[in-house]
Amino acid sequence: MTHPEMTVDELITLLSGFDRSAPVRQAMNPFFPMAHRLAQVVQSVDETGRTVVYLAEGRVEDTQLGHLPPEVAVALAWQGPVQAPPRRPRRTTGGK
């Protein structure tokens, strides 16, 4: 089963709707969502001879920025919206 890959043209089109001065980050690992800084864009050729562009994180230690904001993980459908559990009545000092 093959998945369609995003092209550079599609990426540029998507990015054109955002603030051009905003930093670019990469969301990784849907099971433990983390945010990473992007540092490089590299073009290469894959095993079939097709041109491929890679977005790479940096090599410095602060490249991984920490957990992905929950609203981003929800927007990516990596996790569902989380609601606080219903509150239980508090116990009184008499144990009831």
C-alpha atoms as a PDB file:
ATOM      1  CA  MET A   1       0.000   0.000   0.000  1.00  0.00           C
ATOM      2  CA  THR A   2       1.497   3.298  -1.044  1.00  0.00           C
ATOM      3  CA  HIS A   3       0.683   6.654   0.480  1.00  0.00           C
ATOM      4  CA  PRO A   4       0.652   9.823  -1.596  1.00  0.00           C
ATOM      5  CA  GLU A   5       3.585  12.035  -0.723  1.00  0.00           C
ATOM      6  CA  MET A   6       3.386  15.789  -0.320  1.00  0.00           C
ATOM      7  CA  THR A   7       5.297  17.654  -3.021  1.00  0.00           C
ATOM      8  CA  VAL A   8       7.433  20.765  -2.605  1.00  0.00           C
ATOM      9  CA  ASP A   9       4.774  22.704  -4.556  1.00  0.00           C
ATOM     10  CA  GLU A  10       2.038  21.525  -2.151  1.00  0.00           C
ATOM     11  CA  LEU A  11       4.212  22.433   0.859  1.00  0.00           C
ATOM     12  CA  ILE A  12       4.861  25.922  -0.534  1.00  0.00           C
ATOM     13  CA  THR A  13       1.137  26.366  -1.186  1.00  0.00           C
ATOM     14  CA  LEU A  14       0.281  25.314   2.375  1.00  0.00           C
ATOM     15  CA  LEU A  15       2.985  27.506   3.889  1.00  0.00           C
ATOM     16  CA  SER A  16       1.946  30.543   1.842  1.00  0.00           C
ATOM     17  CA  GLY A  17      -1.112  30.971   4.063  1.00  0.00           C
ATOM     18  CA  PHE A  18       0.953  31.435   7.232  1.00  0.00           C
ATOM     19  CA  ASP A  19       2.975  34.251   8.778  1.00  0.00           C
ATOM     20  CA  ARG A  20       6.283  34.298   6.882  1.00  0.00           C
ATOM     21  CA  SER A  21       8.211  35.295  10.024  1.00  0.00           C
ATOM     22  CA  ALA A  22       6.886  32.363  12.118  1.00  0.00           C
ATOM     23  CA  PRO A  23       9.456  29.686  13.077  1.00  0.00           C
ATOM     24  CA  VAL A  24       9.072  26.289  11.394  1.00  0.00           C
ATOM     25  CA  ARG A  25       8.946  23.216  13.609  1.00  0.00           C
ATOM     26  CA  GLN A  26       8.472  19.560  12.946  1.00  0.00           C
ATOM     27  CA  ALA A  27       5.922  17.447  14.813  1.00  0.00           C
ATOM     28  CA  MET A  28       7.201  13.909  15.318  1.00  0.00           C
ATOM     29  CA  ASN A  29       6.087  10.587  16.770  1.00  0.00           C
ATOM     30  CA  PRO A  30       2.288  10.409  17.100  1.00  0.00           C
ATOM     31  CA  PHE A  31       2.565   8.045  20.092  1.00  0.00           C
ATOM     32  CA  PHE A  32       4.797  10.426  22.070  1.00  0.00           C
ATOM     33  CA  PRO A  33       4.288  13.763  20.290  1.00  0.00           C
ATOM     34  CA  MET A  34       7.329  16.027  20.401  1.00  0.00           C
ATOM     35  CA  ALA A  35       8.267  19.294  18.692  1.00  0.00           C
ATOM     36  CA  HIS A  36      11.617  19.758  16.930  1.00  0.00           C
ATOM     37  CA  ARG A  37      13.330  22.718  15.287  1.00  0.00           C
ATOM     38  CA  LEU A  38      14.031  22.434  11.583  1.00  0.00           C
ATOM     39  CA  ALA A  39      17.555  23.365  10.609  1.00  0.00           C
ATOM     40  CA  GLN A  40      18.163  22.142   7.074  1.00  0.00           C
ATOM     41  CA  VAL A  41      16.481  21.403   3.770  1.00  0.00           C
ATOM     42  CA  VAL A  42      18.373  18.920   1.600  1.00  0.00           C
ATOM     43  CA  GLN A  43      17.620  17.612  -1.881  1.00  0.00           C
ATOM     44  CA  SER A  44      18.669  14.107  -2.878  1.00  0.00           C
ATOM     45  CA  VAL A  45      17.638  11.203  -5.066  1.00  0.00           C
ATOM     46  CA  ASP A  46      15.850   8.126  -3.712  1.00  0.00           C
ATOM     47  CA  GLU A  47      16.448   4.492  -4.661  1.00  0.00           C
ATOM     48  CA  THR A  48      14.158   4.809  -7.711  1.00  0.00           C
ATOM     49  CA  GLY A  49      16.017   7.873  -9.051  1.00  0.00           C
ATOM     50  CA  ARG A  50      13.266  10.300  -8.065  1.00  0.00           C
ATOM     51  CA  THR A  51      14.249  13.681  -6.604  1.00  0.00           C
ATOM     52  CA  VAL A  52      13.300  13.977  -2.909  1.00  0.00           C
ATOM     53  CA  VAL A  53      13.577  16.938  -0.527  1.00  0.00           C
ATOM     54  CA  TYR A  54      14.251  16.273   3.169  1.00  0.00           C
ATOM     55  CA  LEU A  55      13.437  18.599   6.063  1.00  0.00           C
ATOM     56  CA  ALA A  56      15.923  17.871   8.844  1.00  0.00           C
ATOM     57  CA  GLU A  57      16.165  18.785  12.489  1.00  0.00           C
ATOM     58  CA  GLY A  58      19.333  20.398  13.787  1.00  0.00           C
ATOM     59  CA  ARG A  59      22.223  18.670  15.498  1.00  0.00           C
ATOM     60  CA  VAL A  60      22.454  20.955  18.523  1.00  0.00           C
ATOM     61  CA  GLU A  61      21.162  19.693  21.847  1.00  0.00           C
ATOM     62  CA  ASP A  62      18.190  22.044  22.053  1.00  0.00           C
ATOM     63  CA  THR A  63      16.697  20.888  18.732  1.00  0.00           C
ATOM     64  CA  GLN A  64      14.014  18.882  20.536  1.00  0.00           C
ATOM     65  CA  LEU A  65      11.817  21.506  22.102  1.00  0.00           C
ATOM     66  CA  GLY A  66       9.637  19.296  24.260  1.00  0.00           C
ATOM     67  CA  HIS A  67       6.115  17.978  24.099  1.00  0.00           C
ATOM     68  CA  LEU A  68       3.906  19.011  21.231  1.00  0.00           C
ATOM     69  CA  PRO A  69       1.107  21.342  22.371  1.00  0.00           C
ATOM     70  CA  PRO A  70      -2.032  19.204  22.931  1.00  0.00           C
ATOM     71  CA  GLU A  71      -4.097  21.261  20.471  1.00  0.00           C
ATOM     72  CA  VAL A  72      -1.554  20.460  17.731  1.00  0.00           C
ATOM     73  CA  ALA A  73      -1.658  16.721  18.494  1.00  0.00           C
ATOM     74  CA  VAL A  74      -5.477  16.886  18.365  1.00  0.00           C
ATOM     75  CA  ALA A  75      -5.405  18.834  15.062  1.00  0.00           C
ATOM     76  CA  LEU A  76      -3.076  16.179  13.596  1.00  0.00           C
ATOM     77  CA  ALA A  77      -5.488  13.459  14.857  1.00  0.00           C
ATOM     78  CA  TRP A  78      -2.627  11.942  16.859  1.00  0.00           C
ATOM     79  CA  GLN A  79      -4.752  12.065  19.993  1.00  0.00           C
ATOM     80  CA  GLY A  80      -8.351  12.853  20.801  1.00  0.00           C
ATOM     81  CA  PRO A  81      -9.563  15.865  22.701  1.00  0.00           C
ATOM     82  CA  VAL A  82      -9.141  15.285  26.403  1.00  0.00           C
ATOM     83  CA  GLN A  83     -11.739  16.379  28.886  1.00  0.00           C
ATOM     84  CA  ALA A  84     -11.280  16.581  32.620  1.00  0.00           C
ATOM     85  CA  PRO A  85     -12.861  13.650  34.481  1.00  0.00           C
ATOM     86  CA  PRO A  86     -16.116  14.388  36.292  1.00  0.00           C
ATOM     87  CA  ARG A  87     -15.628  15.658  39.808  1.00  0.00           C
ATOM     88  CA  ARG A  88     -16.584  13.361  42.669  1.00  0.00           C
ATOM     89  CA  PRO A  89     -18.041  14.696  45.863  1.00  0.00           C
ATOM     90  CA  ARG A  90     -15.359  15.332  48.462  1.00  0.00           C
ATOM     91  CA  ARG A  91     -15.239  13.249  51.592  1.00  0.00           C
ATOM     92  CA  THR A  92     -15.999  14.905  54.839  1.00  0.00           C
ATOM     93  CA  THR A  93     -13.927  14.531  57.982  1.00  0.00           C
ATOM     94  CA  GLY A  94     -16.468  12.015  59.293  1.00  0.00           C
ATOM     95  CA  GLY A  95     -15.595   9.636  56.430  1.00  0.00           C
ATOM     96  CA  LYS A  96     -18.956   9.940  54.652  1.00  0.00           C
END
